[in-house]
């Protein structure tokens, strides 16, 4: 049968909420890393680090690809569903 309009709206809202959470985590980690780079001597040159700075970098490393993937999947599923639905009519 395909995806119904209510399911599509639920999908869009769900993907939007997940994308927003990932975006906020990414922004938070970026701000944290920016502040910590200024506070740790030698961190701006890559010489020194701290556990908190490493944690912020690790968070940025997984939230950016996850955010991009959720946005792409969240946009593509409704587009594909719309295209399939318009072909069936």
N, C-alpha and C. Protein backbone atom coordinates (compact mmCIF):
# COMPACT_ATOMS: atom_id res chain seq x y z
N UNK A 1 0.81 -1.19 0.00
CA UNK A 1 0.00 0.00 0.00
C UNK A 1 0.86 1.26 0.00
N UNK A 2 1.92 1.26 0.75
CA UNK A 2 2.74 2.46 0.81
C UNK A 2 2.63 3.15 2.15
N UNK A 3 3.24 4.29 2.21
CA UNK A 3 3.22 5.07 3.44
C UNK A 3 2.03 6.02 3.42
N UNK A 4 1.29 6.03 4.50
CA UNK A 4 0.14 6.92 4.62
C UNK A 4 0.59 8.31 5.05
N UNK A 5 -0.22 9.34 4.80
CA UNK A 5 0.17 10.71 5.18
C UNK A 5 0.46 10.87 6.67
N UNK A 6 -0.28 10.22 7.53
CA UNK A 6 -0.02 10.33 8.97
C UNK A 6 1.32 9.72 9.33
N UNK A 7 1.64 8.61 8.71
CA UNK A 7 2.95 7.99 8.95
C UNK A 7 4.07 8.89 8.45
N UNK A 8 3.83 9.56 7.34
CA UNK A 8 4.83 10.47 6.79
C UNK A 8 5.07 11.65 7.72
N UNK A 9 3.99 12.20 8.26
CA UNK A 9 4.12 13.32 9.20
C UNK A 9 4.86 12.86 10.46
N UNK A 10 4.53 11.69 10.95
CA UNK A 10 5.22 11.16 12.12
C UNK A 10 6.71 10.94 11.82
N UNK A 11 7.01 10.47 10.63
CA UNK A 11 8.41 10.27 10.23
C UNK A 11 9.15 11.60 10.20
N UNK A 12 8.54 12.61 9.59
CA UNK A 12 9.18 13.91 9.48
C UNK A 12 9.41 14.53 10.86
N UNK A 13 8.42 14.45 11.73
CA UNK A 13 8.56 14.99 13.08
C UNK A 13 9.63 14.23 13.86
N UNK A 14 9.61 12.92 13.77
CA UNK A 14 10.60 12.11 14.48
C UNK A 14 12.02 12.38 14.00
N UNK A 15 12.20 12.44 12.68
CA UNK A 15 13.53 12.72 12.13
C UNK A 15 13.96 14.14 12.51
N UNK A 16 13.02 15.06 12.54
CA UNK A 16 13.35 16.43 12.93
C UNK A 16 13.79 16.54 14.38
N UNK A 17 13.13 15.81 15.26
CA UNK A 17 13.49 15.83 16.68
C UNK A 17 14.89 15.22 16.88
N UNK A 18 15.15 14.10 16.21
CA UNK A 18 16.47 13.47 16.33
C UNK A 18 17.55 14.39 15.76
N UNK A 19 17.27 15.00 14.60
CA UNK A 19 18.23 15.92 13.98
C UNK A 19 18.49 17.12 14.89
N UNK A 20 17.46 17.64 15.51
CA UNK A 20 17.63 18.78 16.42
C UNK A 20 18.49 18.39 17.62
N UNK A 21 18.24 17.21 18.19
CA UNK A 21 19.05 16.75 19.33
C UNK A 21 20.51 16.59 18.94
N UNK A 22 20.76 16.01 17.77
CA UNK A 22 22.14 15.84 17.31
C UNK A 22 22.80 17.19 17.04
N UNK A 23 22.04 18.12 16.47
CA UNK A 23 22.59 19.44 16.19
C UNK A 23 22.96 20.16 17.48
N UNK A 24 22.10 20.07 18.49
CA UNK A 24 22.40 20.71 19.77
C UNK A 24 23.62 20.07 20.44
N UNK A 25 23.75 18.75 20.33
CA UNK A 25 24.93 18.08 20.88
C UNK A 25 26.19 18.53 20.14
N UNK A 26 26.09 18.68 18.82
CA UNK A 26 27.23 19.13 18.03
C UNK A 26 27.63 20.55 18.38
N UNK A 27 26.66 21.43 18.50
CA UNK A 27 26.96 22.82 18.86
C UNK A 27 27.54 22.89 20.28
N UNK A 28 26.98 22.13 21.20
CA UNK A 28 27.51 22.12 22.57
C UNK A 28 28.94 21.64 22.63
N UNK A 29 29.26 20.57 21.89
CA UNK A 29 30.63 20.06 21.87
C UNK A 29 31.58 21.05 21.21
N UNK A 30 31.09 21.73 20.18
CA UNK A 30 31.93 22.72 19.50
C UNK A 30 32.24 23.89 20.41
N UNK A 31 31.25 24.37 21.11
CA UNK A 31 31.46 25.48 22.05
C UNK A 31 32.40 25.05 23.17
N UNK A 32 32.19 23.86 23.69
CA UNK A 32 33.06 23.35 24.75
C UNK A 32 34.50 23.24 24.28
N UNK A 33 34.70 22.69 23.08
CA UNK A 33 36.06 22.56 22.55
C UNK A 33 36.69 23.93 22.31
N UNK A 34 35.90 24.88 21.82
CA UNK A 34 36.43 26.23 21.59
C UNK A 34 36.89 26.87 22.88
N UNK A 35 36.12 26.72 23.94
CA UNK A 35 36.49 27.30 25.23
C UNK A 35 37.70 26.59 25.81
N UNK A 36 37.73 25.26 25.72
CA UNK A 36 38.83 24.50 26.31
C UNK A 36 40.15 24.70 25.56
N UNK A 37 40.09 24.92 24.26
CA UNK A 37 41.32 25.14 23.49
C UNK A 37 42.02 26.40 24.00
N UNK A 38 41.24 27.39 24.38
CA UNK A 38 41.84 28.62 24.91
C UNK A 38 42.39 28.44 26.32
N UNK A 39 41.86 27.50 27.07
CA UNK A 39 42.27 27.33 28.46
C UNK A 39 43.43 26.36 28.66
N UNK A 40 43.58 25.40 27.77
CA UNK A 40 44.65 24.41 27.92
C UNK A 40 45.90 24.93 27.21
N UNK A 41 47.00 25.13 27.92
CA UNK A 41 48.21 25.64 27.28
C UNK A 41 48.73 24.67 26.22
N UNK A 42 48.96 25.17 25.03
CA UNK A 42 49.47 24.36 23.94
C UNK A 42 48.43 23.60 23.15
N UNK A 43 47.16 23.68 23.54
CA UNK A 43 46.12 22.92 22.85
C UNK A 43 45.83 23.51 21.47
N UNK A 44 46.00 24.82 21.33
CA UNK A 44 45.72 25.43 20.04
C UNK A 44 46.73 25.01 18.98
N UNK A 45 47.92 24.61 19.40
CA UNK A 45 48.95 24.13 18.47
C UNK A 45 48.93 22.61 18.34
N UNK A 46 48.05 21.96 19.07
CA UNK A 46 47.97 20.51 19.02
C UNK A 46 49.01 19.80 19.86
N UNK A 47 49.69 20.55 20.72
CA UNK A 47 50.76 19.98 21.54
C UNK A 47 50.19 19.30 22.79
N UNK A 48 49.22 19.93 23.41
CA UNK A 48 48.66 19.42 24.66
C UNK A 48 47.16 19.18 24.50
N UNK A 49 46.62 18.44 25.43
CA UNK A 49 45.19 18.16 25.42
C UNK A 49 44.75 17.88 26.85
N UNK A 50 43.46 17.66 27.00
CA UNK A 50 42.91 17.28 28.30
C UNK A 50 41.80 16.26 28.04
N UNK A 51 41.41 15.52 29.04
CA UNK A 51 40.32 14.55 28.84
C UNK A 51 39.02 15.22 28.38
N UNK A 52 38.73 16.41 28.91
CA UNK A 52 37.51 17.11 28.50
C UNK A 52 37.58 17.55 27.05
N UNK A 53 38.75 18.01 26.62
CA UNK A 53 38.92 18.43 25.22
C UNK A 53 38.84 17.22 24.29
N UNK A 54 39.45 16.11 24.68
CA UNK A 54 39.36 14.89 23.88
C UNK A 54 37.91 14.40 23.78
N UNK A 55 37.18 14.53 24.86
CA UNK A 55 35.78 14.13 24.87
C UNK A 55 34.95 15.02 23.94
N UNK A 56 35.22 16.32 23.95
CA UNK A 56 34.50 17.23 23.06
C UNK A 56 34.81 16.91 21.60
N UNK A 57 36.06 16.61 21.30
CA UNK A 57 36.43 16.24 19.93
C UNK A 57 35.76 14.93 19.51
N UNK A 58 35.72 13.97 20.43
CA UNK A 58 35.08 12.69 20.13
C UNK A 58 33.58 12.87 19.89
N UNK A 59 32.95 13.73 20.67
CA UNK A 59 31.53 14.00 20.48
C UNK A 59 31.28 14.65 19.13
N UNK A 60 32.14 15.60 18.74
CA UNK A 60 31.99 16.22 17.43
C UNK A 60 32.21 15.20 16.31
N UNK A 61 33.12 14.25 16.54
CA UNK A 61 33.45 13.28 15.50
C UNK A 61 32.29 12.34 15.18
N UNK A 62 31.43 12.03 16.15
CA UNK A 62 30.32 11.15 15.82
C UNK A 62 29.01 11.89 15.59
N UNK A 63 28.85 13.10 16.17
CA UNK A 63 27.57 13.78 15.97
C UNK A 63 27.45 14.39 14.58
N UNK A 64 28.53 14.85 13.99
CA UNK A 64 28.43 15.43 12.65
C UNK A 64 27.99 14.40 11.61
N UNK A 65 28.64 13.24 11.50
CA UNK A 65 28.14 12.26 10.52
C UNK A 65 26.73 11.76 10.84
N UNK A 66 26.42 11.60 12.13
CA UNK A 66 25.08 11.15 12.50
C UNK A 66 24.04 12.20 12.12
N UNK A 67 24.35 13.48 12.33
CA UNK A 67 23.43 14.56 11.96
C UNK A 67 23.19 14.57 10.45
N UNK A 68 24.26 14.47 9.69
CA UNK A 68 24.13 14.47 8.23
C UNK A 68 23.30 13.27 7.76
N UNK A 69 23.55 12.10 8.34
CA UNK A 69 22.80 10.90 7.96
C UNK A 69 21.32 11.03 8.29
N UNK A 70 21.01 11.52 9.48
CA UNK A 70 19.60 11.67 9.87
C UNK A 70 18.89 12.68 8.98
N UNK A 71 19.56 13.77 8.64
CA UNK A 71 18.94 14.76 7.77
C UNK A 71 18.71 14.18 6.38
N UNK A 72 19.70 13.49 5.83
CA UNK A 72 19.53 12.90 4.50
C UNK A 72 18.43 11.85 4.48
N UNK A 73 18.41 10.97 5.46
CA UNK A 73 17.37 9.95 5.52
C UNK A 73 16.01 10.58 5.78
N UNK A 74 15.98 11.57 6.66
CA UNK A 74 14.73 12.25 6.98
C UNK A 74 14.14 13.00 5.80
N UNK A 75 14.98 13.46 4.89
CA UNK A 75 14.49 14.16 3.70
C UNK A 75 14.16 13.17 2.58
N UNK A 76 14.98 12.16 2.42
CA UNK A 76 14.80 11.24 1.29
C UNK A 76 13.56 10.35 1.42
N UNK A 77 13.26 9.88 2.60
CA UNK A 77 12.10 8.99 2.77
C UNK A 77 10.80 9.68 2.34
N UNK A 78 10.50 10.91 2.79
CA UNK A 78 9.27 11.55 2.31
C UNK A 78 9.29 11.83 0.81
N UNK A 79 10.46 12.18 0.26
CA UNK A 79 10.52 12.42 -1.19
C UNK A 79 10.25 11.14 -1.98
N UNK A 80 10.84 10.04 -1.56
CA UNK A 80 10.60 8.77 -2.24
C UNK A 80 9.14 8.35 -2.09
N UNK A 81 8.59 8.51 -0.90
CA UNK A 81 7.18 8.15 -0.67
C UNK A 81 6.26 9.00 -1.53
N UNK A 82 6.57 10.28 -1.65
CA UNK A 82 5.73 11.17 -2.48
C UNK A 82 5.83 10.75 -3.95
N UNK A 83 7.02 10.45 -4.40
CA UNK A 83 7.20 10.04 -5.79
C UNK A 83 6.46 8.72 -6.08
N UNK A 84 6.57 7.76 -5.17
CA UNK A 84 5.87 6.49 -5.37
C UNK A 84 4.36 6.67 -5.32
N UNK A 85 3.91 7.56 -4.45
CA UNK A 85 2.48 7.79 -4.32
C UNK A 85 1.93 8.47 -5.56
N UNK A 86 2.68 9.42 -6.12
CA UNK A 86 2.19 10.12 -7.31
C UNK A 86 2.21 9.20 -8.53
N UNK A 87 3.10 8.22 -8.57
CA UNK A 87 3.11 7.25 -9.68
C UNK A 87 1.95 6.29 -9.60
N UNK A 88 1.50 5.97 -8.38
CA UNK A 88 0.41 5.01 -8.23
C UNK A 88 -0.94 5.62 -8.59
N UNK A 89 -1.03 6.91 -8.59
CA UNK A 89 -2.32 7.55 -8.91
C UNK A 89 -2.55 7.65 -10.37
